[in-house]
Amino acid sequence: MKRRTLKAMTLVEMLIAISIMLIGMGGFSLLLLKSLGTNKFIIEEGVSSAAVSRATNKIITALRSVRQADNGDFPVESGSDFDLKVYIDIDDDDVTERVHYFLDLVNDQLKMGVTNPLATMPVTYPASDDTVSVLANYIVNTDVDPVFYYYNENYPGDAINNPLVTPINVQDVRLIRVHLLMNIDPVRAPNNVNIESFADLRNLEIL
């Protein structure tokens, strides 16, 4: 009976086997890193999109309660494509603040400035914002994609004269559309997230 002998791997065969294993591990590692990067991007975009949605809802809710300023000024002070000033009791303290929504194009941020009235006779509002806070990041609206659109009392029946041309005649405004484009990395896919909503300025109906 012949004795079977086990053939040992040569050094060359061992090196080839190790090389194949390392190549396989490298490919798996690259695939894992790419998958983690994609998942991280998706999660970050989802979180940012939710934050922008909350900011939009917050603005819409506030705009529905615009009212005359404490000095008697009209509820809407001014409005343009990227800038809106209105009077609201934004913090429920029975004092009407001037609320300033505007897009910071340099930092891609939608911001809110709040100004409290001065207890003068008559009441006055300082020209500049008292406090400024960031409502949403990664806002990428451009000149052809305004943040604010304005409509008169004849909308939607009158589609010819709506939305109103900016800068607006504030006494014509009865409806405001807030339109935000969000993208955490405009260089890569996916495309911009489009978020918009309408606010009916209810208190203006009785003026």
N, C-alpha and C. Protein backbone atom coordinates (compact mmCIF):
# COMPACT_ATOMS: atom_id res chain seq x y z
N MET A 1 0.85 -1.19 0.00
CA MET A 1 0.00 0.00 0.00
C MET A 1 0.88 1.24 0.00
N LYS A 2 0.57 2.11 -1.00
CA LYS A 2 1.39 3.31 -1.10
C LYS A 2 0.93 4.37 -0.10
N ARG A 3 1.86 5.03 0.49
CA ARG A 3 1.57 6.13 1.42
C ARG A 3 1.39 7.43 0.62
N ARG A 4 0.20 8.13 0.92
CA ARG A 4 -0.05 9.41 0.25
C ARG A 4 0.71 10.52 0.95
N THR A 5 1.28 11.35 0.15
CA THR A 5 2.03 12.48 0.72
C THR A 5 1.32 13.78 0.36
N LEU A 6 1.22 14.70 1.31
CA LEU A 6 0.62 16.01 1.08
C LEU A 6 1.64 16.95 0.48
N LYS A 7 1.22 17.58 -0.58
CA LYS A 7 2.13 18.51 -1.26
C LYS A 7 2.00 19.88 -0.63
N ALA A 8 3.05 20.40 -0.11
CA ALA A 8 3.04 21.72 0.53
C ALA A 8 3.01 22.82 -0.53
N MET A 9 2.40 24.00 -0.12
CA MET A 9 2.36 25.15 -1.03
C MET A 9 3.75 25.75 -1.14
N THR A 10 4.07 26.10 -2.33
CA THR A 10 5.34 26.78 -2.54
C THR A 10 5.20 28.24 -2.11
N LEU A 11 6.30 28.90 -1.96
CA LEU A 11 6.29 30.31 -1.56
C LEU A 11 5.57 31.16 -2.59
N VAL A 12 5.76 30.84 -3.87
CA VAL A 12 5.11 31.61 -4.93
C VAL A 12 3.60 31.45 -4.85
N GLU A 13 3.15 30.22 -4.66
CA GLU A 13 1.71 29.96 -4.55
C GLU A 13 1.12 30.68 -3.35
N MET A 14 1.86 30.72 -2.25
CA MET A 14 1.37 31.41 -1.06
C MET A 14 1.25 32.90 -1.30
N LEU A 15 2.22 33.46 -1.97
CA LEU A 15 2.18 34.89 -2.26
C LEU A 15 1.02 35.22 -3.19
N ILE A 16 0.77 34.35 -4.17
CA ILE A 16 -0.35 34.57 -5.08
C ILE A 16 -1.68 34.52 -4.33
N ALA A 17 -1.80 33.55 -3.42
CA ALA A 17 -3.02 33.42 -2.64
C ALA A 17 -3.25 34.64 -1.75
N ILE A 18 -2.17 35.12 -1.13
CA ILE A 18 -2.28 36.30 -0.26
C ILE A 18 -2.67 37.52 -1.09
N SER A 19 -2.09 37.65 -2.30
CA SER A 19 -2.40 38.79 -3.17
C SER A 19 -3.87 38.79 -3.56
N ILE A 20 -4.37 37.60 -3.92
CA ILE A 20 -5.79 37.49 -4.30
C ILE A 20 -6.68 37.88 -3.13
N MET A 21 -6.31 37.41 -1.93
CA MET A 21 -7.10 37.73 -0.74
C MET A 21 -7.10 39.23 -0.46
N LEU A 22 -5.93 39.85 -0.61
CA LEU A 22 -5.83 41.29 -0.34
C LEU A 22 -6.63 42.10 -1.35
N ILE A 23 -6.58 41.67 -2.63
CA ILE A 23 -7.36 42.37 -3.66
C ILE A 23 -8.85 42.28 -3.35
N GLY A 24 -9.28 41.07 -2.95
CA GLY A 24 -10.69 40.89 -2.60
C GLY A 24 -11.09 41.74 -1.41
N MET A 25 -10.25 41.80 -0.39
CA MET A 25 -10.55 42.60 0.79
C MET A 25 -10.58 44.09 0.44
N GLY A 26 -9.67 44.51 -0.47
CA GLY A 26 -9.65 45.91 -0.87
C GLY A 26 -10.91 46.30 -1.60
N GLY A 27 -11.36 45.43 -2.50
CA GLY A 27 -12.61 45.71 -3.23
C GLY A 27 -13.80 45.77 -2.30
N PHE A 28 -13.84 44.86 -1.34
CA PHE A 28 -14.95 44.86 -0.37
C PHE A 28 -14.92 46.13 0.49
N SER A 29 -13.72 46.54 0.87
CA SER A 29 -13.60 47.75 1.70
C SER A 29 -14.07 48.99 0.94
N LEU A 30 -13.69 49.09 -0.35
CA LEU A 30 -14.13 50.23 -1.16
C LEU A 30 -15.65 50.24 -1.31
N LEU A 31 -16.22 49.05 -1.54
CA LEU A 31 -17.67 48.95 -1.66
C LEU A 31 -18.36 49.36 -0.37
N LEU A 32 -17.79 48.93 0.77
CA LEU A 32 -18.37 49.27 2.07
C LEU A 32 -18.29 50.77 2.33
N LEU A 33 -17.14 51.38 2.01
CA LEU A 33 -16.98 52.81 2.24
C LEU A 33 -17.93 53.62 1.36
N LYS A 34 -18.08 53.18 0.11
CA LYS A 34 -19.00 53.88 -0.79
C LYS A 34 -20.43 53.77 -0.31
N SER A 35 -20.79 52.59 0.17
CA SER A 35 -22.14 52.37 0.69
C SER A 35 -22.39 53.23 1.92
N LEU A 36 -21.40 53.31 2.82
CA LEU A 36 -21.54 54.13 4.02
C LEU A 36 -21.67 55.61 3.65
N GLY A 37 -20.87 56.07 2.66
CA GLY A 37 -20.95 57.46 2.22
C GLY A 37 -22.29 57.80 1.63
N THR A 38 -22.84 56.88 0.82
CA THR A 38 -24.15 57.10 0.21
C THR A 38 -25.23 57.15 1.28
N ASN A 39 -25.17 56.21 2.23
CA ASN A 39 -26.17 56.19 3.30
C ASN A 39 -26.09 57.45 4.16
N LYS A 40 -24.86 57.91 4.42
CA LYS A 40 -24.67 59.12 5.21
C LYS A 40 -25.29 60.32 4.50
N PHE A 41 -25.08 60.41 3.17
CA PHE A 41 -25.64 61.51 2.39
C PHE A 41 -27.16 61.47 2.41
N ILE A 42 -27.73 60.28 2.26
CA ILE A 42 -29.19 60.14 2.26
C ILE A 42 -29.77 60.55 3.60
N ILE A 43 -29.11 60.12 4.68
CA ILE A 43 -29.59 60.47 6.02
C ILE A 43 -29.51 61.98 6.25
N GLU A 44 -28.37 62.58 5.87
CA GLU A 44 -28.20 64.03 6.06
C GLU A 44 -29.23 64.81 5.26
N GLU A 45 -29.49 64.37 4.01
CA GLU A 45 -30.47 65.07 3.19
C GLU A 45 -31.86 64.92 3.78
N GLY A 46 -32.17 63.73 4.30
CA GLY A 46 -33.48 63.52 4.91
C GLY A 46 -33.69 64.41 6.13
N VAL A 47 -32.66 64.53 6.95
CA VAL A 47 -32.74 65.38 8.15
C VAL A 47 -32.90 66.84 7.74
N SER A 48 -32.11 67.27 6.75
CA SER A 48 -32.20 68.66 6.29
C SER A 48 -33.55 68.96 5.67
N SER A 49 -34.06 68.02 4.88
CA SER A 49 -35.37 68.20 4.24
C SER A 49 -36.47 68.34 5.29
N ALA A 50 -36.39 67.52 6.34
CA ALA A 50 -37.39 67.62 7.41
C ALA A 50 -37.30 68.97 8.11
N ALA A 51 -36.07 69.48 8.30
CA ALA A 51 -35.88 70.77 8.95
C ALA A 51 -36.46 71.90 8.10
N VAL A 52 -36.27 71.83 6.78
CA VAL A 52 -36.81 72.85 5.90
C VAL A 52 -38.34 72.79 5.89
N SER A 53 -38.89 71.60 5.93
CA SER A 53 -40.36 71.45 5.98
C SER A 53 -40.92 72.08 7.24
N ARG A 54 -40.24 71.85 8.36
CA ARG A 54 -40.68 72.45 9.63
C ARG A 54 -40.60 73.97 9.57
N ALA A 55 -39.52 74.48 8.97
CA ALA A 55 -39.37 75.93 8.85
C ALA A 55 -40.47 76.53 7.98
N THR A 56 -40.79 75.85 6.88
CA THR A 56 -41.85 76.33 6.00
C THR A 56 -43.19 76.36 6.73
N ASN A 57 -43.49 75.30 7.44
CA ASN A 57 -44.75 75.26 8.19
C ASN A 57 -44.80 76.33 9.27
N LYS A 58 -43.65 76.60 9.87
CA LYS A 58 -43.58 77.64 10.91
C LYS A 58 -43.88 79.01 10.31
N ILE A 59 -43.32 79.28 9.14
CA ILE A 59 -43.55 80.57 8.47
C ILE A 59 -45.01 80.70 8.06
N ILE A 60 -45.56 79.65 7.46
CA ILE A 60 -46.94 79.69 7.00
C ILE A 60 -47.90 79.93 8.17
N THR A 61 -47.68 79.23 9.27
CA THR A 61 -48.53 79.40 10.46
C THR A 61 -48.47 80.83 10.96
N ALA A 62 -47.25 81.40 10.98
CA ALA A 62 -47.09 82.78 11.46
C ALA A 62 -47.76 83.78 10.52
N LEU A 63 -47.61 83.58 9.21
CA LEU A 63 -48.18 84.52 8.25
C LEU A 63 -49.70 84.57 8.32
N ARG A 64 -50.31 83.48 8.69
CA ARG A 64 -51.77 83.45 8.79
C ARG A 64 -52.30 84.34 9.93
N SER A 65 -51.41 84.77 10.81
CA SER A 65 -51.84 85.61 11.93
C SER A 65 -51.27 87.02 11.86
N VAL A 66 -50.87 87.47 10.65
CA VAL A 66 -50.37 88.85 10.53
C VAL A 66 -51.46 89.82 10.97
N ARG A 67 -51.04 90.95 11.51
CA ARG A 67 -52.00 91.94 11.99
C ARG A 67 -51.37 93.32 11.95
N GLN A 68 -52.18 94.33 12.21
CA GLN A 68 -51.65 95.69 12.20
C GLN A 68 -50.57 95.86 13.26
N ALA A 69 -49.59 96.69 12.91
CA ALA A 69 -48.53 96.99 13.87
C ALA A 69 -49.11 97.79 15.03
N ASP A 70 -48.39 97.83 16.13
CA ASP A 70 -48.86 98.57 17.30
C ASP A 70 -48.90 100.07 17.06
N ASN A 71 -48.27 100.54 15.99
CA ASN A 71 -48.37 101.96 15.63
C ASN A 71 -49.39 102.19 14.52
N GLY A 72 -50.15 101.14 14.17
CA GLY A 72 -51.20 101.27 13.17
C GLY A 72 -50.77 101.00 11.75
N ASP A 73 -49.49 100.66 11.53
CA ASP A 73 -49.03 100.38 10.18
C ASP A 73 -49.72 99.14 9.61
N PHE A 74 -49.78 99.05 8.29
CA PHE A 74 -50.40 97.92 7.60
C PHE A 74 -49.69 96.63 7.97
N PRO A 75 -50.40 95.50 8.06
CA PRO A 75 -49.80 94.22 8.49
C PRO A 75 -48.60 93.77 7.68
N VAL A 76 -48.61 94.07 6.37
CA VAL A 76 -47.45 93.73 5.53
C VAL A 76 -46.68 95.02 5.28
N GLU A 77 -45.44 95.07 5.76
CA GLU A 77 -44.65 96.30 5.58
C GLU A 77 -44.03 96.35 4.19
N SER A 78 -43.44 95.24 3.74
CA SER A 78 -42.81 95.21 2.42
C SER A 78 -42.63 93.76 1.99
N GLY A 79 -42.49 93.57 0.67
CA GLY A 79 -42.30 92.23 0.17
C GLY A 79 -41.60 92.23 -1.18
N SER A 80 -40.60 91.37 -1.32
CA SER A 80 -39.90 91.20 -2.59
C SER A 80 -39.63 89.71 -2.77
N ASP A 81 -38.84 89.37 -3.77
CA ASP A 81 -38.63 87.95 -4.08
C ASP A 81 -37.98 87.17 -2.94
N PHE A 82 -37.07 87.81 -2.22
CA PHE A 82 -36.32 87.11 -1.19
C PHE A 82 -36.41 87.79 0.18
N ASP A 83 -37.32 88.72 0.34
CA ASP A 83 -37.38 89.50 1.56
C ASP A 83 -38.83 89.86 1.88
N LEU A 84 -39.24 89.59 3.10
CA LEU A 84 -40.63 89.86 3.51
C LEU A 84 -40.64 90.38 4.94
N LYS A 85 -41.34 91.52 5.14
CA LYS A 85 -41.49 92.08 6.48
C LYS A 85 -42.97 92.20 6.79
N VAL A 86 -43.36 91.60 7.91
CA VAL A 86 -44.76 91.61 8.34
C VAL A 86 -44.83 91.87 9.83
N TYR A 87 -46.03 92.16 10.31
CA TYR A 87 -46.24 92.38 11.74
C TYR A 87 -47.05 91.23 12.32
N ILE A 88 -46.48 90.60 13.35
CA ILE A 88 -47.07 89.42 13.98
C ILE A 88 -46.73 89.44 15.47
N ASP A 89 -47.63 88.92 16.28
CA ASP A 89 -47.28 88.65 17.68
C ASP A 89 -46.60 87.28 17.68
N ILE A 90 -45.32 87.28 17.36
CA ILE A 90 -44.61 86.05 17.08
C ILE A 90 -44.35 85.22 18.33
N ASP A 91 -44.34 85.87 19.51
CA ASP A 91 -44.03 85.12 20.74
C ASP A 91 -45.20 85.13 21.74
N ASP A 92 -46.40 85.46 21.26
CA ASP A 92 -47.62 85.40 22.08
C ASP A 92 -47.51 86.19 23.38
N ASP A 93 -46.97 87.41 23.28
CA ASP A 93 -46.85 88.25 24.47
C ASP A 93 -47.77 89.47 24.39
N ASP A 94 -48.73 89.42 23.46
CA ASP A 94 -49.68 90.52 23.25
C ASP A 94 -49.01 91.79 22.75
N VAL A 95 -47.81 91.67 22.24
CA VAL A 95 -47.10 92.79 21.62
C VAL A 95 -46.82 92.39 20.17
N THR A 96 -47.08 93.30 19.25
CA THR A 96 -46.88 92.99 17.84
C THR A 96 -45.44 93.31 17.43
N GLU A 97 -44.71 92.27 17.04
CA GLU A 97 -43.35 92.45 16.59
C GLU A 97 -43.30 92.57 15.06
N ARG A 98 -42.24 93.22 14.56
CA ARG A 98 -42.00 93.18 13.12
C ARG A 98 -41.13 91.96 12.84
N VAL A 99 -41.63 91.08 11.97
CA VAL A 99 -40.92 89.85 11.65
C VAL A 99 -40.39 89.95 10.22
N HIS A 100 -39.12 89.70 10.09
CA HIS A 100 -38.41 89.89 8.82
C HIS A 100 -37.87 88.54 8.33
N TYR A 101 -38.46 88.00 7.27
CA TYR A 101 -37.98 86.76 6.67
C TYR A 101 -37.12 87.13 5.45
N PHE A 102 -35.95 86.54 5.35
CA PHE A 102 -35.09 86.86 4.21
C PHE A 102 -34.11 85.74 3.93
N LEU A 103 -33.69 85.67 2.66
CA LEU A 103 -32.73 84.66 2.24
C LEU A 103 -31.33 85.25 2.23
N ASP A 104 -30.45 84.62 2.97
CA ASP A 104 -29.03 84.97 2.97
C ASP A 104 -28.38 84.20 1.83
N LEU A 105 -28.22 84.85 0.68
CA LEU A 105 -27.72 84.18 -0.52
C LEU A 105 -26.27 83.73 -0.38
N VAL A 106 -25.51 84.42 0.44
CA VAL A 106 -24.10 84.08 0.61
C VAL A 106 -23.94 82.76 1.34
N ASN A 107 -24.76 82.56 2.37
CA ASN A 107 -24.64 81.37 3.21
C ASN A 107 -25.72 80.32 2.96
N ASP A 108 -26.57 80.56 1.94
CA ASP A 108 -27.65 79.62 1.61
C ASP A 108 -28.52 79.32 2.83
N GLN A 109 -28.92 80.39 3.52
CA GLN A 109 -29.72 80.23 4.73
C GLN A 109 -30.97 81.11 4.67
N LEU A 110 -32.08 80.56 5.10
CA LEU A 110 -33.29 81.35 5.29
C LEU A 110 -33.30 81.82 6.74
N LYS A 111 -33.42 83.13 6.93
CA LYS A 111 -33.29 83.69 8.27
C LYS A 111 -34.55 84.46 8.67
N MET A 112 -34.69 84.65 9.97
CA MET A 112 -35.80 85.42 10.51
C MET A 112 -35.27 86.46 11.49
N GLY A 113 -35.60 87.72 11.23
CA GLY A 113 -35.27 88.79 12.16
C GLY A 113 -36.52 89.25 12.88
N VAL A 114 -36.40 89.54 14.16
CA VAL A 114 -37.54 89.99 14.97
C VAL A 114 -37.18 91.32 15.63
N THR A 115 -38.10 92.28 15.52
CA THR A 115 -37.89 93.60 16.11
C THR A 115 -39.07 93.95 17.01
N ASN A 116 -38.78 94.30 18.23
CA ASN A 116 -39.80 94.72 19.18
C ASN A 116 -40.04 96.23 19.06
N PRO A 117 -41.27 96.67 19.27
CA PRO A 117 -41.54 98.11 19.20
C PRO A 117 -40.96 98.85 20.39
N LEU A 118 -40.61 100.11 20.16
CA LEU A 118 -40.14 100.95 21.25
C LEU A 118 -41.34 101.65 21.89
N ALA A 119 -41.30 101.75 23.21
CA ALA A 119 -42.42 102.36 23.95
C ALA A 119 -42.35 103.87 23.88
N THR A 120 -42.38 104.39 22.67
CA THR A 120 -42.38 105.84 22.47
C THR A 120 -43.80 106.30 22.18
N MET A 121 -43.99 107.59 22.06
CA MET A 121 -45.31 108.15 21.72
C MET A 121 -45.19 108.93 20.42
N PRO A 122 -45.67 108.41 19.29
CA PRO A 122 -46.29 107.09 19.17
C PRO A 122 -45.25 105.97 19.14
N VAL A 123 -45.76 104.72 19.16
CA VAL A 123 -44.88 103.55 19.12
C VAL A 123 -44.07 103.57 17.82
N THR A 124 -42.79 103.21 17.90
CA THR A 124 -41.93 103.13 16.72
C THR A 124 -41.21 101.79 16.69
N TYR A 125 -40.79 101.40 15.50
CA TYR A 125 -40.00 100.18 15.31
C TYR A 125 -38.64 100.56 14.77
N PRO A 126 -37.55 100.13 15.41
CA PRO A 126 -36.21 100.41 14.88
C PRO A 126 -36.06 99.88 13.47
N ALA A 127 -35.18 100.50 12.69
CA ALA A 127 -35.01 100.11 11.30
C ALA A 127 -34.38 98.73 11.15
N SER A 128 -33.46 98.38 12.06
CA SER A 128 -32.75 97.10 11.95
C SER A 128 -33.40 96.03 12.84
N ASP A 129 -33.09 94.78 12.53
CA ASP A 129 -33.62 93.67 13.32
C ASP A 129 -32.95 93.61 14.68
N ASP A 130 -33.77 93.35 15.72
CA ASP A 130 -33.20 93.18 17.06
C ASP A 130 -32.45 91.86 17.17
N THR A 131 -33.07 90.79 16.71
CA THR A 131 -32.45 89.47 16.76
C THR A 131 -32.63 88.78 15.41
N VAL A 132 -31.67 87.96 15.05
CA VAL A 132 -31.74 87.21 13.79
C VAL A 132 -31.41 85.75 14.08
N SER A 133 -32.23 84.86 13.56
CA SER A 133 -32.00 83.42 13.73
C SER A 133 -32.11 82.72 12.39
N VAL A 134 -31.50 81.54 12.30
CA VAL A 134 -31.52 80.75 11.07
C VAL A 134 -32.70 79.78 11.13
N LEU A 135 -33.56 79.85 10.12
CA LEU A 135 -34.70 78.94 10.05
C LEU A 135 -34.37 77.68 9.28
N ALA A 136 -33.55 77.80 8.22
CA ALA A 136 -33.24 76.63 7.40
C ALA A 136 -31.91 76.84 6.68
N ASN A 137 -31.17 75.75 6.53
CA ASN A 137 -29.90 75.76 5.81
C ASN A 137 -30.04 75.10 4.44
N TYR A 138 -29.00 75.26 3.62
CA TYR A 138 -28.92 74.64 2.29
C TYR A 138 -30.04 75.10 1.34
N ILE A 139 -30.48 76.34 1.48
CA ILE A 139 -31.51 76.89 0.60
C ILE A 139 -30.83 77.46 -0.64
N VAL A 140 -31.18 76.94 -1.83
CA VAL A 140 -30.45 77.27 -3.05
C VAL A 140 -31.33 77.97 -4.09
N ASN A 141 -32.35 78.70 -3.65
CA ASN A 141 -33.16 79.47 -4.60
C ASN A 141 -32.28 80.47 -5.34
N THR A 142 -32.62 80.72 -6.60
CA THR A 142 -31.89 81.67 -7.42
C THR A 142 -32.84 82.78 -7.88
N ASP A 143 -32.33 83.67 -8.71
CA ASP A 143 -33.14 84.80 -9.18
C ASP A 143 -34.39 84.35 -9.92
N VAL A 144 -34.33 83.18 -10.55
CA VAL A 144 -35.50 82.68 -11.30
C VAL A 144 -36.40 81.81 -10.42
N ASP A 145 -36.01 81.64 -9.16
CA ASP A 145 -36.81 80.84 -8.22
C ASP A 145 -36.99 81.62 -6.91
N PRO A 146 -37.87 82.62 -6.91
CA PRO A 146 -38.08 83.42 -5.69
C PRO A 146 -38.53 82.57 -4.51
N VAL A 147 -38.27 83.06 -3.33
CA VAL A 147 -38.76 82.41 -2.11
C VAL A 147 -40.21 82.79 -1.85
N PHE A 148 -40.55 84.06 -2.14
CA PHE A 148 -41.89 84.56 -1.84
C PHE A 148 -42.63 84.97 -3.12
N TYR A 149 -43.88 84.51 -3.21
CA TYR A 149 -44.79 84.91 -4.29
C TYR A 149 -46.03 85.52 -3.64
N TYR A 150 -46.57 86.57 -4.27
CA TYR A 150 -47.68 87.31 -3.68
C TYR A 150 -48.88 87.32 -4.63
N TYR A 151 -50.08 87.22 -4.03
CA TYR A 151 -51.30 87.12 -4.83
C TYR A 151 -52.37 88.06 -4.25
N ASN A 152 -53.21 88.60 -5.14
CA ASN A 152 -54.28 89.49 -4.68
C ASN A 152 -55.56 88.72 -4.40
N GLU A 153 -56.61 89.43 -4.05
CA GLU A 153 -57.87 88.80 -3.65
C GLU A 153 -58.58 88.08 -4.80
N ASN A 154 -58.17 88.35 -6.04
CA ASN A 154 -58.82 87.75 -7.20
C ASN A 154 -58.20 86.41 -7.61
N TYR A 155 -57.15 86.00 -6.94
CA TYR A 155 -56.53 84.71 -7.24
C TYR A 155 -57.34 83.60 -6.58
N PRO A 156 -57.55 82.45 -7.23
CA PRO A 156 -56.93 81.97 -8.46
C PRO A 156 -57.69 82.30 -9.75
N GLY A 157 -58.82 82.99 -9.62
CA GLY A 157 -59.57 83.32 -10.82
C GLY A 157 -58.80 84.18 -11.80
N ASP A 158 -58.01 85.11 -11.27
CA ASP A 158 -57.21 86.00 -12.11
C ASP A 158 -55.78 85.48 -12.17
N ALA A 159 -55.48 84.71 -13.19
CA ALA A 159 -54.13 84.15 -13.35
C ALA A 159 -53.23 85.06 -14.16
N ILE A 160 -53.81 86.11 -14.75
CA ILE A 160 -53.02 87.03 -15.59
C ILE A 160 -52.22 87.99 -14.71
N ASN A 161 -52.85 88.52 -13.68
CA ASN A 161 -52.20 89.51 -12.82
C ASN A 161 -51.59 88.89 -11.56
N ASN A 162 -51.56 87.59 -11.50
CA ASN A 162 -50.98 86.89 -10.36
C ASN A 162 -49.96 85.85 -10.83
N PRO A 163 -48.85 85.66 -10.08
CA PRO A 163 -48.50 86.40 -8.87
C PRO A 163 -48.17 87.86 -9.16
N LEU A 164 -48.25 88.67 -8.12
CA LEU A 164 -48.02 90.10 -8.26
C LEU A 164 -46.55 90.38 -8.57
N VAL A 165 -46.33 91.45 -9.33
CA VAL A 165 -44.97 91.86 -9.65
C VAL A 165 -44.33 92.49 -8.42
N THR A 166 -43.10 92.12 -8.12
CA THR A 166 -42.37 92.68 -6.98
C THR A 166 -41.47 93.83 -7.44
N PRO A 167 -41.20 94.81 -6.57
CA PRO A 167 -41.74 94.95 -5.22
C PRO A 167 -43.24 95.25 -5.25
N ILE A 168 -43.94 94.72 -4.28
CA ILE A 168 -45.39 94.72 -4.30
C ILE A 168 -45.99 96.00 -3.72
N ASN A 169 -47.25 96.24 -4.08
CA ASN A 169 -48.08 97.18 -3.35
C ASN A 169 -48.69 96.37 -2.20
N VAL A 170 -48.27 96.63 -0.99
CA VAL A 170 -48.61 95.75 0.13
C VAL A 170 -50.11 95.63 0.35
N GLN A 171 -50.87 96.64 0.00
CA GLN A 171 -52.31 96.59 0.24
C GLN A 171 -53.04 95.68 -0.74
N ASP A 172 -52.34 95.20 -1.76
CA ASP A 172 -52.95 94.27 -2.70
C ASP A 172 -52.82 92.81 -2.27
N VAL A 173 -51.94 92.55 -1.33
CA VAL A 173 -51.60 91.17 -0.98
C VAL A 173 -52.67 90.54 -0.08
N ARG A 174 -53.09 89.34 -0.49
CA ARG A 174 -54.02 88.56 0.34
C ARG A 174 -53.54 87.13 0.54
N LEU A 175 -52.57 86.71 -0.27
CA LEU A 175 -52.07 85.34 -0.20
C LEU A 175 -50.58 85.36 -0.51
N ILE A 176 -49.81 84.58 0.25
CA ILE A 176 -48.37 84.49 0.04
C ILE A 176 -47.97 83.02 -0.11
N ARG A 177 -47.17 82.76 -1.14
CA ARG A 177 -46.63 81.40 -1.31
C ARG A 177 -45.16 81.41 -0.92
N VAL A 178 -44.77 80.46 -0.09
CA VAL A 178 -43.37 80.29 0.31
C VAL A 178 -42.83 79.09 -0.45
N HIS A 179 -41.76 79.32 -1.21
CA HIS A 179 -41.20 78.28 -2.07
C HIS A 179 -39.71 78.15 -1.79
N LEU A 180 -39.30 76.98 -1.27
CA LEU A 180 -37.90 76.77 -0.91
C LEU A 180 -37.32 75.59 -1.70
N LEU A 181 -36.11 75.80 -2.21
CA LEU A 181 -35.34 74.74 -2.85
C LEU A 181 -34.16 74.40 -1.95
N MET A 182 -34.07 73.14 -1.54
CA MET A 182 -33.03 72.72 -0.61
C MET A 182 -32.12 71.69 -1.27
N ASN A 183 -30.82 71.83 -1.07
CA ASN A 183 -29.86 70.86 -1.57
C ASN A 183 -28.61 70.93 -0.71
N ILE A 184 -28.27 69.84 -0.04
CA ILE A 184 -27.11 69.87 0.86
C ILE A 184 -25.79 69.82 0.09
N ASP A 185 -25.84 69.38 -1.17
CA ASP A 185 -24.63 69.33 -2.00
C ASP A 185 -25.04 69.49 -3.46
N PRO A 186 -25.15 70.73 -3.95
CA PRO A 186 -25.63 70.97 -5.31
C PRO A 186 -24.77 70.34 -6.40
N VAL A 187 -23.52 69.98 -6.07
CA VAL A 187 -22.61 69.42 -7.08
C VAL A 187 -22.98 67.99 -7.44
N ARG A 188 -23.61 67.26 -6.54
CA ARG A 188 -23.92 65.86 -6.77
C ARG A 188 -25.43 65.64 -6.76
N ALA A 189 -25.84 64.50 -7.33
CA ALA A 189 -27.25 64.11 -7.30
C ALA A 189 -27.62 63.75 -5.87
N PRO A 190 -28.91 63.75 -5.51
CA PRO A 190 -30.08 64.03 -6.36
C PRO A 190 -30.33 65.52 -6.54
N ASN A 191 -31.38 65.83 -7.28
CA ASN A 191 -31.72 67.22 -7.56
C ASN A 191 -32.26 67.91 -6.32
N ASN A 192 -32.59 69.22 -6.48
CA ASN A 192 -33.10 70.01 -5.37
C ASN A 192 -34.40 69.42 -4.82
N VAL A 193 -34.56 69.52 -3.51
CA VAL A 193 -35.82 69.17 -2.87
C VAL A 193 -36.71 70.40 -2.90
N ASN A 194 -37.90 70.26 -3.43
CA ASN A 194 -38.83 71.38 -3.63
C ASN A 194 -39.89 71.36 -2.54
N ILE A 195 -39.95 72.44 -1.73
CA ILE A 195 -40.92 72.53 -0.64
C ILE A 195 -41.66 73.85 -0.75
N GLU A 196 -42.99 73.81 -0.78
CA GLU A 196 -43.75 75.05 -0.88
C GLU A 196 -45.10 74.91 -0.20
N SER A 197 -45.65 76.07 0.19
CA SER A 197 -46.96 76.09 0.82
C SER A 197 -47.52 77.51 0.72
N PHE A 198 -48.85 77.62 0.89
CA PHE A 198 -49.53 78.91 0.79
C PHE A 198 -50.03 79.36 2.15
N ALA A 199 -50.02 80.67 2.36
CA ALA A 199 -50.57 81.26 3.58
C ALA A 199 -51.63 82.29 3.21
N ASP A 200 -52.84 82.06 3.67
CA ASP A 200 -53.94 83.01 3.48
C ASP A 200 -53.87 84.02 4.62
N LEU A 201 -53.68 85.30 4.28
CA LEU A 201 -53.55 86.34 5.30
C LEU A 201 -54.94 86.71 5.81
N ARG A 202 -55.44 85.93 6.74
CA ARG A 202 -56.84 86.00 7.16
C ARG A 202 -57.23 87.35 7.74
N ASN A 203 -56.38 87.95 8.54
CA ASN A 203 -56.72 89.20 9.21
C ASN A 203 -56.84 90.37 8.24
N LEU A 204 -56.30 90.24 7.02
CA LEU A 204 -56.37 91.34 6.07
C LEU A 204 -57.76 91.47 5.48
N GLU A 205 -58.58 90.44 5.60
CA GLU A 205 -59.93 90.47 5.03
C GLU A 205 -60.85 91.48 5.72
N ILE A 206 -60.50 91.83 6.96
CA ILE A 206 -61.36 92.73 7.71
C ILE A 206 -60.84 94.17 7.69
N LEU A 207 -59.72 94.41 6.99
CA LEU A 207 -59.16 95.76 6.96
C LEU A 207 -59.78 96.59 5.85
